[in-house]
Amino acid sequence: MNQFIKISVLFSFLFLMACEEQCIKIPEAPTPPGGRIMLLEDYTGVNCVPCFGANILIESVLDANPNSIVTFGIHGDLQSEPVSGSTFDFRYPDPFEWETNANIIGK
C-alpha cells in the first residue's frame, strides 16, 4: 500500500505540472518601403495538420518581403476545435459559410 501511495503522489505531481499559455504581444504596424501593404488571410485551425506546412511557407514569404505583408490566421469551424484545457477559443463564425460552400475538402 505504501508503494501505491508513493506512485500516486508522483503521478499526481507530474499531472499537475503543465505549461502556461502566454499572451502574444502584437507588434506595432510596420511602415512599408513602397507605401503599400498586402493582406494575407490564412484559413487555419488548431487541428489542421497541413496548415503547419502552410505556416512555414507564409513565414518564408514574410521574411522575403519585410514590412510589406500583414498576415493573420482565421479559425473557422473545420478543424478548429480548441485543444482540451486551452484557455482560448480562436474560432470565428463568419468563415463557416465559406468553408461549407466552397466545395473543398479541409482548409
PDB file of N, CA and C in Angstrom:
ATOM      1  N   MET A   1       0.823  -1.199   0.000  1.00  0.00           N
ATOM      2  CA  MET A   1       0.000   0.000   0.000  1.00  0.00           C
ATOM      3  C   MET A   1       0.865   1.259   0.000  1.00  0.00           C
ATOM      4  N   ASN A   2       1.966   1.217   0.733  1.00  0.00           N
ATOM      5  CA  ASN A   2       2.870   2.361   0.815  1.00  0.00           C
ATOM      6  C   ASN A   2       3.455   2.704  -0.563  1.00  0.00           C
ATOM      7  N   GLN A   3       3.792   1.671  -1.337  1.00  0.00           N
ATOM      8  CA  GLN A   3       4.327   1.864  -2.694  1.00  0.00           C
ATOM      9  C   GLN A   3       3.262   2.506  -3.597  1.00  0.00           C
ATOM     10  N   PHE A   4       2.017   2.074  -3.431  1.00  0.00           N
ATOM     11  CA  PHE A   4       0.917   2.626  -4.220  1.00  0.00           C
ATOM     12  C   PHE A   4       0.744   4.118  -3.938  1.00  0.00           C
ATOM     13  N   ILE A   5       0.847   4.527  -2.700  1.00  0.00           N
ATOM     14  CA  ILE A   5       0.704   5.939  -2.320  1.00  0.00           C
ATOM     15  C   ILE A   5       1.838   6.756  -2.926  1.00  0.00           C
ATOM     16  N   LYS A   6       3.046   6.235  -2.883  1.00  0.00           N
ATOM     17  CA  LYS A   6       4.198   6.954  -3.457  1.00  0.00           C
ATOM     18  C   LYS A   6       4.028   7.153  -4.957  1.00  0.00           C
ATOM     19  N   ILE A   7       3.590   6.109  -5.636  1.00  0.00           N
ATOM     20  CA  ILE A   7       3.387   6.205  -7.094  1.00  0.00           C
ATOM     21  C   ILE A   7       2.241   7.160  -7.401  1.00  0.00           C
ATOM     22  N   SER A   8       1.164   7.104  -6.617  1.00  0.00           N
ATOM     23  CA  SER A   8       0.028   8.008  -6.831  1.00  0.00           C
ATOM     24  C   SER A   8       0.428   9.461  -6.635  1.00  0.00           C
ATOM     25  N   VAL A   9       1.221   9.745  -5.603  1.00  0.00           N
ATOM     26  CA  VAL A   9       1.683  11.115  -5.360  1.00  0.00           C
ATOM     27  C   VAL A   9       2.587  11.570  -6.501  1.00  0.00           C
ATOM     28  N   LEU A  10       3.462  10.688  -6.986  1.00  0.00           N
ATOM     29  CA  LEU A  10       4.359  11.033  -8.096  1.00  0.00           C
ATOM     30  C   LEU A  10       3.566  11.370  -9.350  1.00  0.00           C
ATOM     31  N   PHE A  11       2.601  10.517  -9.712  1.00  0.00           N
ATOM     32  CA  PHE A  11       1.796  10.782 -10.898  1.00  0.00           C
ATOM     33  C   PHE A  11       0.931  12.024 -10.728  1.00  0.00           C
ATOM     34  N   SER A  12       0.419  12.254  -9.534  1.00  0.00           N
ATOM     35  CA  SER A  12      -0.373  13.465  -9.288  1.00  0.00           C
ATOM     36  C   SER A  12       0.481  14.708  -9.473  1.00  0.00           C
ATOM     37  N   PHE A  13       1.708  14.664  -8.973  1.00  0.00           N
ATOM     38  CA  PHE A  13       2.623  15.795  -9.119  1.00  0.00           C
ATOM     39  C   PHE A  13       2.949  16.040 -10.591  1.00  0.00           C
ATOM     40  N   LEU A  14       3.235  14.964 -11.336  1.00  0.00           N
ATOM     41  CA  LEU A  14       3.547  15.106 -12.760  1.00  0.00           C
ATOM     42  C   LEU A  14       2.339  15.602 -13.545  1.00  0.00           C
ATOM     43  N   PHE A  15       1.153  15.164 -13.151  1.00  0.00           N
ATOM     44  CA  PHE A  15      -0.062  15.576 -13.843  1.00  0.00           C
ATOM     45  C   PHE A  15      -0.345  17.063 -13.637  1.00  0.00           C
ATOM     46  N   LEU A  16      -0.042  17.590 -12.465  1.00  0.00           N
ATOM     47  CA  LEU A  16      -0.328  18.985 -12.154  1.00  0.00           C
ATOM     48  C   LEU A  16       0.690  19.946 -12.765  1.00  0.00           C
ATOM     49  N   MET A  17       1.855  19.440 -13.152  1.00  0.00           N
ATOM     50  CA  MET A  17       2.847  20.300 -13.809  1.00  0.00           C
ATOM     51  C   MET A  17       2.440  20.462 -15.266  1.00  0.00           C
ATOM     52  N   ALA A  18       2.329  21.677 -15.721  1.00  0.00           N
ATOM     53  CA  ALA A  18       1.926  21.920 -17.105  1.00  0.00           C
ATOM     54  C   ALA A  18       2.518  23.242 -17.572  1.00  0.00           C
ATOM     55  N   CYS A  19       2.524  23.416 -18.869  1.00  0.00           N
ATOM     56  CA  CYS A  19       2.995  24.677 -19.445  1.00  0.00           C
ATOM     57  C   CYS A  19       1.900  25.728 -19.298  1.00  0.00           C
ATOM     58  N   GLU A  20       2.301  26.957 -19.098  1.00  0.00           N
ATOM     59  CA  GLU A  20       1.342  28.054 -19.041  1.00  0.00           C
ATOM     60  C   GLU A  20       1.193  28.663 -20.427  1.00  0.00           C
ATOM     61  N   GLU A  21      -0.023  29.041 -20.775  1.00  0.00           N
ATOM     62  CA  GLU A  21      -0.233  29.736 -22.037  1.00  0.00           C
ATOM     63  C   GLU A  21       0.235  31.171 -21.869  1.00  0.00           C
ATOM     64  N   GLN A  22       0.951  31.670 -22.847  1.00  0.00           N
ATOM     65  CA  GLN A  22       1.483  33.023 -22.804  1.00  0.00           C
ATOM     66  C   GLN A  22       0.742  33.892 -23.814  1.00  0.00           C
ATOM     67  N   CYS A  23       0.412  35.103 -23.415  1.00  0.00           N
ATOM     68  CA  CYS A  23      -0.195  36.052 -24.344  1.00  0.00           C
ATOM     69  C   CYS A  23       0.869  36.525 -25.325  1.00  0.00           C
ATOM     70  N   ILE A  24       0.480  36.685 -26.571  1.00  0.00           N
ATOM     71  CA  ILE A  24       1.401  37.145 -27.601  1.00  0.00           C
ATOM     72  C   ILE A  24       1.202  38.646 -27.780  1.00  0.00           C
ATOM     73  N   LYS A  25       2.287  39.394 -27.664  1.00  0.00           N
ATOM     74  CA  LYS A  25       2.198  40.838 -27.883  1.00  0.00           C
ATOM     75  C   LYS A  25       2.158  41.105 -29.382  1.00  0.00           C
ATOM     76  N   ILE A  26       1.212  41.922 -29.793  1.00  0.00           N
ATOM     77  CA  ILE A  26       1.084  42.275 -31.204  1.00  0.00           C
ATOM     78  C   ILE A  26       1.996  43.467 -31.468  1.00  0.00           C
ATOM     79  N   PRO A  27       2.920  43.330 -32.435  1.00  0.00           N
ATOM     80  CA  PRO A  27       3.858  44.426 -32.695  1.00  0.00           C
ATOM     81  C   PRO A  27       3.180  45.619 -33.358  1.00  0.00           C
ATOM     82  N   GLU A  28       3.837  46.747 -33.296  1.00  0.00           N
ATOM     83  CA  GLU A  28       3.336  47.945 -33.967  1.00  0.00           C
ATOM     84  C   GLU A  28       3.291  47.712 -35.481  1.00  0.00           C
ATOM     85  N   ALA A  29       2.378  48.400 -36.154  1.00  0.00           N
ATOM     86  CA  ALA A  29       2.246  48.243 -37.606  1.00  0.00           C
ATOM     87  C   ALA A  29       3.506  48.734 -38.308  1.00  0.00           C
ATOM     88  N   PRO A  30       4.046  47.939 -39.240  1.00  0.00           N
ATOM     89  CA  PRO A  30       5.264  48.349 -39.937  1.00  0.00           C
ATOM     90  C   PRO A  30       4.994  49.426 -40.976  1.00  0.00           C
ATOM     91  N   THR A  31       6.016  50.157 -41.318  1.00  0.00           N
ATOM     92  CA  THR A  31       5.936  51.140 -42.390  1.00  0.00           C
ATOM     93  C   THR A  31       6.543  50.510 -43.638  1.00  0.00           C
ATOM     94  N   PRO A  32       5.737  50.262 -44.673  1.00  0.00           N
ATOM     95  CA  PRO A  32       6.256  49.595 -45.862  1.00  0.00           C
ATOM     96  C   PRO A  32       7.141  50.519 -46.689  1.00  0.00           C
ATOM     97  N   PRO A  33       8.129  49.941 -47.381  1.00  0.00           N
ATOM     98  CA  PRO A  33       9.020  50.766 -48.194  1.00  0.00           C
ATOM     99  C   PRO A  33       8.319  51.422 -49.383  1.00  0.00           C
ATOM    100  N   GLY A  34       7.356  50.734 -49.986  1.00  0.00           N
ATOM    101  CA  GLY A  34       6.677  51.277 -51.163  1.00  0.00           C
ATOM    102  C   GLY A  34       5.362  51.954 -50.843  1.00  0.00           C
ATOM    103  N   GLY A  35       4.999  52.040 -49.578  1.00  0.00           N
ATOM    104  CA  GLY A  35       3.756  52.691 -49.195  1.00  0.00           C
ATOM    105  C   GLY A  35       2.536  51.793 -49.262  1.00  0.00           C
ATOM    106  N   ARG A  36       2.724  50.529 -49.655  1.00  0.00           N
ATOM    107  CA  ARG A  36       1.591  49.612 -49.757  1.00  0.00           C
ATOM    108  C   ARG A  36       1.862  48.368 -48.913  1.00  0.00           C
ATOM    109  N   ILE A  37       0.800  47.830 -48.361  1.00  0.00           N
ATOM    110  CA  ILE A  37       0.890  46.597 -47.579  1.00  0.00           C
ATOM    111  C   ILE A  37      -0.110  45.596 -48.141  1.00  0.00           C
ATOM    112  N   MET A  38       0.345  44.357 -48.330  1.00  0.00           N
ATOM    113  CA  MET A  38      -0.538  43.294 -48.788  1.00  0.00           C
ATOM    114  C   MET A  38      -1.087  42.559 -47.566  1.00  0.00           C
ATOM    115  N   LEU A  39      -2.366  42.228 -47.606  1.00  0.00           N
ATOM    116  CA  LEU A  39      -3.014  41.474 -46.545  1.00  0.00           C
ATOM    117  C   LEU A  39      -3.115  40.026 -46.988  1.00  0.00           C
ATOM    118  N   LEU A  40      -2.605  39.104 -46.180  1.00  0.00           N
ATOM    119  CA  LEU A  40      -2.655  37.684 -46.489  1.00  0.00           C
ATOM    120  C   LEU A  40      -3.498  36.997 -45.406  1.00  0.00           C
ATOM    121  N   GLU A  41      -4.643  36.458 -45.812  1.00  0.00           N
ATOM    122  CA  GLU A  41      -5.525  35.766 -44.879  1.00  0.00           C
ATOM    123  C   GLU A  41      -5.236  34.274 -44.961  1.00  0.00           C
ATOM    124  N   ASP A  42      -5.022  33.657 -43.819  1.00  0.00           N
ATOM    125  CA  ASP A  42      -4.719  32.235 -43.752  1.00  0.00           C
ATOM    126  C   ASP A  42      -5.849  31.536 -43.019  1.00  0.00           C
ATOM    127  N   TYR A  43      -6.649  30.759 -43.761  1.00  0.00           N
ATOM    128  CA  TYR A  43      -7.703  29.976 -43.118  1.00  0.00           C
ATOM    129  C   TYR A  43      -7.036  28.759 -42.498  1.00  0.00           C
ATOM    130  N   THR A  44      -7.066  28.685 -41.197  1.00  0.00           N
ATOM    131  CA  THR A  44      -6.315  27.673 -40.474  1.00  0.00           C
ATOM    132  C   THR A  44      -7.157  27.074 -39.366  1.00  0.00           C
ATOM    133  N   GLY A  45      -6.577  26.179 -38.618  1.00  0.00           N
ATOM    134  CA  GLY A  45      -7.267  25.563 -37.496  1.00  0.00           C
ATOM    135  C   GLY A  45      -6.286  24.866 -36.576  1.00  0.00           C
ATOM    136  N   VAL A  46      -6.662  24.741 -35.336  1.00  0.00           N
ATOM    137  CA  VAL A  46      -5.802  24.122 -34.333  1.00  0.00           C
ATOM    138  C   VAL A  46      -5.499  22.673 -34.710  1.00  0.00           C
ATOM    139  N   ASN A  47      -6.466  21.970 -35.279  1.00  0.00           N
ATOM    140  CA  ASN A  47      -6.310  20.565 -35.615  1.00  0.00           C
ATOM    141  C   ASN A  47      -6.006  20.339 -37.092  1.00  0.00           C
ATOM    142  N   CYS A  48      -5.602  21.360 -37.806  1.00  0.00           N
ATOM    143  CA  CYS A  48      -5.313  21.264 -39.232  1.00  0.00           C
ATOM    144  C   CYS A  48      -3.830  20.926 -39.417  1.00  0.00           C
ATOM    145  N   VAL A  49      -3.544  19.678 -39.749  1.00  0.00           N
ATOM    146  CA  VAL A  49      -2.156  19.232 -39.898  1.00  0.00           C
ATOM    147  C   VAL A  49      -1.460  19.910 -41.080  1.00  0.00           C
ATOM    148  N   PRO A  50      -2.063  19.998 -42.276  1.00  0.00           N
ATOM    149  CA  PRO A  50      -1.384  20.653 -43.393  1.00  0.00           C
ATOM    150  C   PRO A  50      -1.154  22.154 -43.175  1.00  0.00           C
ATOM    151  N   CYS A  51      -1.902  22.758 -42.262  1.00  0.00           N
ATOM    152  CA  CYS A  51      -1.750  24.196 -42.007  1.00  0.00           C
ATOM    153  C   CYS A  51      -0.364  24.519 -41.452  1.00  0.00           C
ATOM    154  N   PHE A  52       0.265  23.560 -40.792  1.00  0.00           N
ATOM    155  CA  PHE A  52       1.617  23.787 -40.274  1.00  0.00           C
ATOM    156  C   PHE A  52       2.583  24.041 -41.429  1.00  0.00           C
ATOM    157  N   GLY A  53       2.485  23.251 -42.494  1.00  0.00           N
ATOM    158  CA  GLY A  53       3.325  23.454 -43.681  1.00  0.00           C
ATOM    159  C   GLY A  53       3.028  24.780 -44.354  1.00  0.00           C
ATOM    160  N   ALA A  54       1.756  25.159 -44.385  1.00  0.00           N
ATOM    161  CA  ALA A  54       1.389  26.449 -44.976  1.00  0.00           C
ATOM    162  C   ALA A  54       1.985  27.590 -44.161  1.00  0.00           C
ATOM    163  N   ASN A  55       2.038  27.427 -42.852  1.00  0.00           N
ATOM    164  CA  ASN A  55       2.603  28.464 -41.991  1.00  0.00           C
ATOM    165  C   ASN A  55       4.099  28.645 -42.274  1.00  0.00           C
ATOM    166  N   ILE A  56       4.812  27.553 -42.535  1.00  0.00           N
ATOM    167  CA  ILE A  56       6.235  27.641 -42.877  1.00  0.00           C
ATOM    168  C   ILE A  56       6.401  28.426 -44.176  1.00  0.00           C
ATOM    169  N   LEU A  57       5.549  28.156 -45.161  1.00  0.00           N
ATOM    170  CA  LEU A  57       5.602  28.891 -46.433  1.00  0.00           C
ATOM    171  C   LEU A  57       5.301  30.374 -46.222  1.00  0.00           C
ATOM    172  N   ILE A  58       4.299  30.675 -45.410  1.00  0.00           N
ATOM    173  CA  ILE A  58       3.946  32.068 -45.124  1.00  0.00           C
ATOM    174  C   ILE A  58       5.113  32.780 -44.444  1.00  0.00           C
ATOM    175  N   GLU A  59       5.767  32.114 -43.501  1.00  0.00           N
ATOM    176  CA  GLU A  59       6.926  32.719 -42.823  1.00  0.00           C
ATOM    177  C   GLU A  59       8.041  33.037 -43.809  1.00  0.00           C
ATOM    178  N   SER A  60       8.278  32.169 -44.794  1.00  0.00           N
ATOM    179  CA  SER A  60       9.324  32.442 -45.782  1.00  0.00           C
ATOM    180  C   SER A  60       8.949  33.620 -46.674  1.00  0.00           C
ATOM    181  N   VAL A  61       7.660  33.754 -46.994  1.00  0.00           N
ATOM    182  CA  VAL A  61       7.201  34.902 -47.790  1.00  0.00           C
ATOM    183  C   VAL A  61       7.356  36.195 -46.979  1.00  0.00           C
ATOM    184  N   LEU A  62       7.034  36.132 -45.701  1.00  0.00           N
ATOM    185  CA  LEU A  62       7.191  37.312 -44.846  1.00  0.00           C
ATOM    186  C   LEU A  62       8.662  37.713 -44.715  1.00  0.00           C
ATOM    187  N   ASP A  63       9.555  36.723 -44.578  1.00  0.00           N
ATOM    188  CA  ASP A  63      10.989  37.018 -44.473  1.00  0.00           C
ATOM    189  C   ASP A  63      11.534  37.636 -45.753  1.00  0.00           C
ATOM    190  N   ALA A  64      11.010  37.204 -46.905  1.00  0.00           N
ATOM    191  CA  ALA A  64      11.477  37.733 -48.196  1.00  0.00           C
ATOM    192  C   ALA A  64      10.914  39.120 -48.500  1.00  0.00           C
ATOM    193  N   ASN A  65       9.855  39.515 -47.821  1.00  0.00           N
ATOM    194  CA  ASN A  65       9.198  40.805 -48.064  1.00  0.00           C
ATOM    195  C   ASN A  65       8.965  41.538 -46.758  1.00  0.00           C
ATOM    196  N   PRO A  66      10.025  41.965 -46.084  1.00  0.00           N
ATOM    197  CA  PRO A  66       9.845  42.605 -44.776  1.00  0.00           C
ATOM    198  C   PRO A  66       9.039  43.908 -44.872  1.00  0.00           C
ATOM    199  N   ASN A  67       8.169  44.104 -43.908  1.00  0.00           N
ATOM    200  CA  ASN A  67       7.339  45.315 -43.783  1.00  0.00           C
ATOM    201  C   ASN A  67       6.422  45.552 -44.972  1.00  0.00           C
ATOM    202  N   SER A  68       6.124  44.504 -45.754  1.00  0.00           N
ATOM    203  CA  SER A  68       5.252  44.675 -46.918  1.00  0.00           C
ATOM    204  C   SER A  68       3.996  43.813 -46.854  1.00  0.00           C
ATOM    205  N   ILE A  69       3.963  42.863 -45.914  1.00  0.00           N
ATOM    206  CA  ILE A  69       2.838  41.930 -45.839  1.00  0.00           C
ATOM    207  C   ILE A  69       2.368  41.832 -44.387  1.00  0.00           C
ATOM    208  N   VAL A  70       1.055  41.863 -44.225  1.00  0.00           N
ATOM    209  CA  VAL A  70       0.442  41.610 -42.926  1.00  0.00           C
ATOM    210  C   VAL A  70      -0.369  40.336 -43.093  1.00  0.00           C
ATOM    211  N   THR A  71      -0.189  39.397 -42.189  1.00  0.00           N
ATOM    212  CA  THR A  71      -0.917  38.141 -42.286  1.00  0.00           C
ATOM    213  C   THR A  71      -1.613  37.831 -40.969  1.00  0.00           C
ATOM    214  N   PHE A  72      -2.741  37.142 -41.073  1.00  0.00           N
ATOM    215  CA  PHE A  72      -3.414  36.691 -39.870  1.00  0.00           C
ATOM    216  C   PHE A  72      -4.149  35.400 -40.173  1.00  0.00           C
ATOM    217  N   GLY A  73      -4.269  34.569 -39.149  1.00  0.00           N
ATOM    218  CA  GLY A  73      -4.957  33.297 -39.285  1.00  0.00           C
ATOM    219  C   GLY A  73      -6.413  33.423 -38.887  1.00  0.00           C
ATOM    220  N   ILE A  74      -7.276  32.818 -39.684  1.00  0.00           N
ATOM    221  CA  ILE A  74      -8.704  32.828 -39.418  1.00  0.00           C
ATOM    222  C   ILE A  74      -9.119  31.404 -39.078  1.00  0.00           C
ATOM    223  N   HIS A  75      -9.615  31.218 -37.876  1.00  0.00           N
ATOM    224  CA  HIS A  75     -10.103  29.918 -37.434  1.00  0.00           C
ATOM    225  C   HIS A  75     -11.607  29.895 -37.628  1.00  0.00           C
ATOM    226  N   GLY A  76     -12.062  29.075 -38.549  1.00  0.00           N
ATOM    227  CA  GLY A  76     -13.495  28.956 -38.804  1.00  0.00           C
ATOM    228  C   GLY A  76     -14.085  27.840 -37.963  1.00  0.00           C
ATOM    229  N   ASP A  77     -14.722  26.882 -38.654  1.00  0.00           N
ATOM    230  CA  ASP A  77     -15.356  25.762 -37.960  1.00  0.00           C
ATOM    231  C   ASP A  77     -14.589  24.463 -38.201  1.00  0.00           C
ATOM    232  N   LEU A  78     -14.146  24.244 -39.451  1.00  0.00           N
ATOM    233  CA  LEU A  78     -13.465  22.998 -39.787  1.00  0.00           C
ATOM    234  C   LEU A  78     -12.085  22.939 -39.138  1.00  0.00           C
ATOM    235  N   GLN A  79     -11.805  21.865 -38.449  1.00  0.00           N
ATOM    236  CA  GLN A  79     -10.502  21.580 -37.835  1.00  0.00           C
ATOM    237  C   GLN A  79     -10.051  22.680 -36.882  1.00  0.00           C
ATOM    238  N   SER A  80     -10.986  23.349 -36.250  1.00  0.00           N
ATOM    239  CA  SER A  80     -10.653  24.478 -35.372  1.00  0.00           C
ATOM    240  C   SER A  80     -11.125  24.293 -33.937  1.00  0.00           C
ATOM    241  N   GLU A  81     -11.540  23.093 -33.592  1.00  0.00           N
ATOM    242  CA  GLU A  81     -11.987  22.821 -32.219  1.00  0.00           C
ATOM    243  C   GLU A  81     -10.814  23.064 -31.269  1.00  0.00           C
ATOM    244  N   PRO A  82     -10.995  23.847 -30.205  1.00  0.00           N
ATOM    245  CA  PRO A  82      -9.892  24.115 -29.279  1.00  0.00           C
ATOM    246  C   PRO A  82      -9.351  22.836 -28.635  1.00  0.00           C
ATOM    247  N   VAL A  83      -8.081  22.830 -28.352  1.00  0.00           N
ATOM    248  CA  VAL A  83      -7.441  21.711 -27.677  1.00  0.00           C
ATOM    249  C   VAL A  83      -7.981  21.654 -26.251  1.00  0.00           C
ATOM    250  N   SER A  84      -8.212  20.465 -25.737  1.00  0.00           N
ATOM    251  CA  SER A  84      -8.758  20.352 -24.385  1.00  0.00           C
ATOM    252  C   SER A  84      -7.834  21.028 -23.382  1.00  0.00           C
ATOM    253  N   GLY A  85      -8.419  21.791 -22.504  1.00  0.00           N
ATOM    254  CA  GLY A  85      -7.658  22.516 -21.495  1.00  0.00           C
ATOM    255  C   GLY A  85      -7.162  23.873 -21.968  1.00  0.00           C
ATOM    256  N   SER A  86      -7.438  24.236 -23.208  1.00  0.00           N
ATOM    257  CA  SER A  86      -6.988  25.528 -23.725  1.00  0.00           C
ATOM    258  C   SER A  86      -7.813  26.663 -23.135  1.00  0.00           C
ATOM    259  N   THR A  87      -7.166  27.758 -22.847  1.00  0.00           N
ATOM    260  CA  THR A  87      -7.848  28.928 -22.311  1.00  0.00           C
ATOM    261  C   THR A  87      -8.606  29.673 -23.408  1.00  0.00           C
ATOM    262  N   PHE A  88      -8.115  29.610 -24.641  1.00  0.00           N
ATOM    263  CA  PHE A  88      -8.649  30.426 -25.719  1.00  0.00           C
ATOM    264  C   PHE A  88      -9.374  29.583 -26.769  1.00  0.00           C
ATOM    265  N   ASP A  89     -10.401  30.175 -27.353  1.00  0.00           N
ATOM    266  CA  ASP A  89     -11.127  29.589 -28.473  1.00  0.00           C
ATOM    267  C   ASP A  89     -11.032  30.595 -29.613  1.00  0.00           C
ATOM    268  N   PHE A  90     -10.224  30.283 -30.623  1.00  0.00           N
ATOM    269  CA  PHE A  90      -9.960  31.222 -31.712  1.00  0.00           C
ATOM    270  C   PHE A  90     -10.976  31.147 -32.846  1.00  0.00           C
ATOM    271  N   ARG A  91     -11.981  30.280 -32.716  1.00  0.00           N
ATOM    272  CA  ARG A  91     -12.953  30.139 -33.799  1.00  0.00           C
ATOM    273  C   ARG A  91     -13.733  31.437 -34.015  1.00  0.00           C
ATOM    274  N   TYR A  92     -14.011  31.697 -35.284  1.00  0.00           N
ATOM    275  CA  TYR A  92     -14.744  32.890 -35.689  1.00  0.00           C
ATOM    276  C   TYR A  92     -15.904  32.418 -36.558  1.00  0.00           C
ATOM    277  N   PRO A  93     -17.131  32.873 -36.330  1.00  0.00           N
ATOM    278  CA  PRO A  93     -18.282  32.309 -37.034  1.00  0.00           C
ATOM    279  C   PRO A  93     -18.399  32.678 -38.516  1.00  0.00           C
ATOM    280  N   ASP A  94     -17.859  33.798 -38.952  1.00  0.00           N
ATOM    281  CA  ASP A  94     -18.050  34.237 -40.335  1.00  0.00           C
ATOM    282  C   ASP A  94     -17.488  33.288 -41.399  1.00  0.00           C
ATOM    283  N   PRO A  95     -16.336  32.645 -41.226  1.00  0.00           N
ATOM    284  CA  PRO A  95     -15.821  31.763 -42.288  1.00  0.00           C
ATOM    285  C   PRO A  95     -16.610  30.475 -42.472  1.00  0.00           C
ATOM    286  N   PHE A  96     -17.564  30.185 -41.578  1.00  0.00           N
ATOM    287  CA  PHE A  96     -18.304  28.926 -41.663  1.00  0.00           C
ATOM    288  C   PHE A  96     -18.989  28.773 -43.013  1.00  0.00           C
ATOM    289  N   GLU A  97     -19.659  29.812 -43.504  1.00  0.00           N
ATOM    290  CA  GLU A  97     -20.358  29.723 -44.789  1.00  0.00           C
ATOM    291  C   GLU A  97     -19.382  29.470 -45.934  1.00  0.00           C
ATOM    292  N   TRP A  98     -18.238  30.129 -45.915  1.00  0.00           N
ATOM    293  CA  TRP A  98     -17.233  29.926 -46.959  1.00  0.00           C
ATOM    294  C   TRP A  98     -16.703  28.486 -46.913  1.00  0.00           C
ATOM    295  N   GLU A  99     -16.432  28.001 -45.713  1.00  0.00           N
ATOM    296  CA  GLU A  99     -15.891  26.645 -45.573  1.00  0.00           C
ATOM    297  C   GLU A  99     -16.880  25.578 -46.055  1.00  0.00           C
ATOM    298  N   THR A 100     -18.153  25.782 -45.811  1.00  0.00           N
ATOM    299  CA  THR A 100     -19.152  24.761 -46.175  1.00  0.00           C
ATOM    300  C   THR A 100     -19.614  24.876 -47.613  1.00  0.00           C
ATOM    301  N   ASN A 101     -19.460  26.028 -48.279  1.00  0.00           N
ATOM    302  CA  ASN A 101     -19.957  26.220 -49.630  1.00  0.00           C
ATOM    303  C   ASN A 101     -18.867  26.313 -50.696  1.00  0.00           C
ATOM    304  N   ALA A 102     -17.604  26.180 -50.315  1.00  0.00           N
ATOM    305  CA  ALA A 102     -16.518  26.377 -51.272  1.00  0.00           C
ATOM    306  C   ALA A 102     -16.143  25.117 -52.042  1.00  0.00           C
ATOM    307  N   ASN A 103     -16.857  24.008 -51.812  1.00  0.00           N
ATOM    308  CA  ASN A 103     -16.595  22.746 -52.494  1.00  0.00           C
ATOM    309  C   ASN A 103     -15.147  22.307 -52.368  1.00  0.00           C
ATOM    310  N   ILE A 104     -14.598  22.440 -51.183  1.00  0.00           N
ATOM    311  CA  ILE A 104     -13.234  21.990 -50.915  1.00  0.00           C
ATOM    312  C   ILE A 104     -13.268  20.991 -49.776  1.00  0.00           C
ATOM    313  N   ILE A 105     -12.212  20.235 -49.648  1.00  0.00           N
ATOM    314  CA  ILE A 105     -12.100  19.290 -48.545  1.00  0.00           C
ATOM    315  C   ILE A 105     -11.025  19.829 -47.621  1.00  0.00           C
ATOM    316  N   GLY A 106     -11.377  20.139 -46.403  1.00  0.00           N
ATOM    317  CA  GLY A 106     -10.402  20.675 -45.447  1.00  0.00           C
ATOM    318  C   GLY A 106     -10.258  22.172 -45.592  1.00  0.00           C
ATOM    319  N   LYS A 107      -9.103  22.654 -45.227  1.00  0.00           N
ATOM    320  CA  LYS A 107      -8.841  24.098 -45.244  1.00  0.00           C
ATOM    321  C   LYS A 107      -8.300  24.529 -46.580  1.00  0.00           C
TER     322      LYS A 107
END
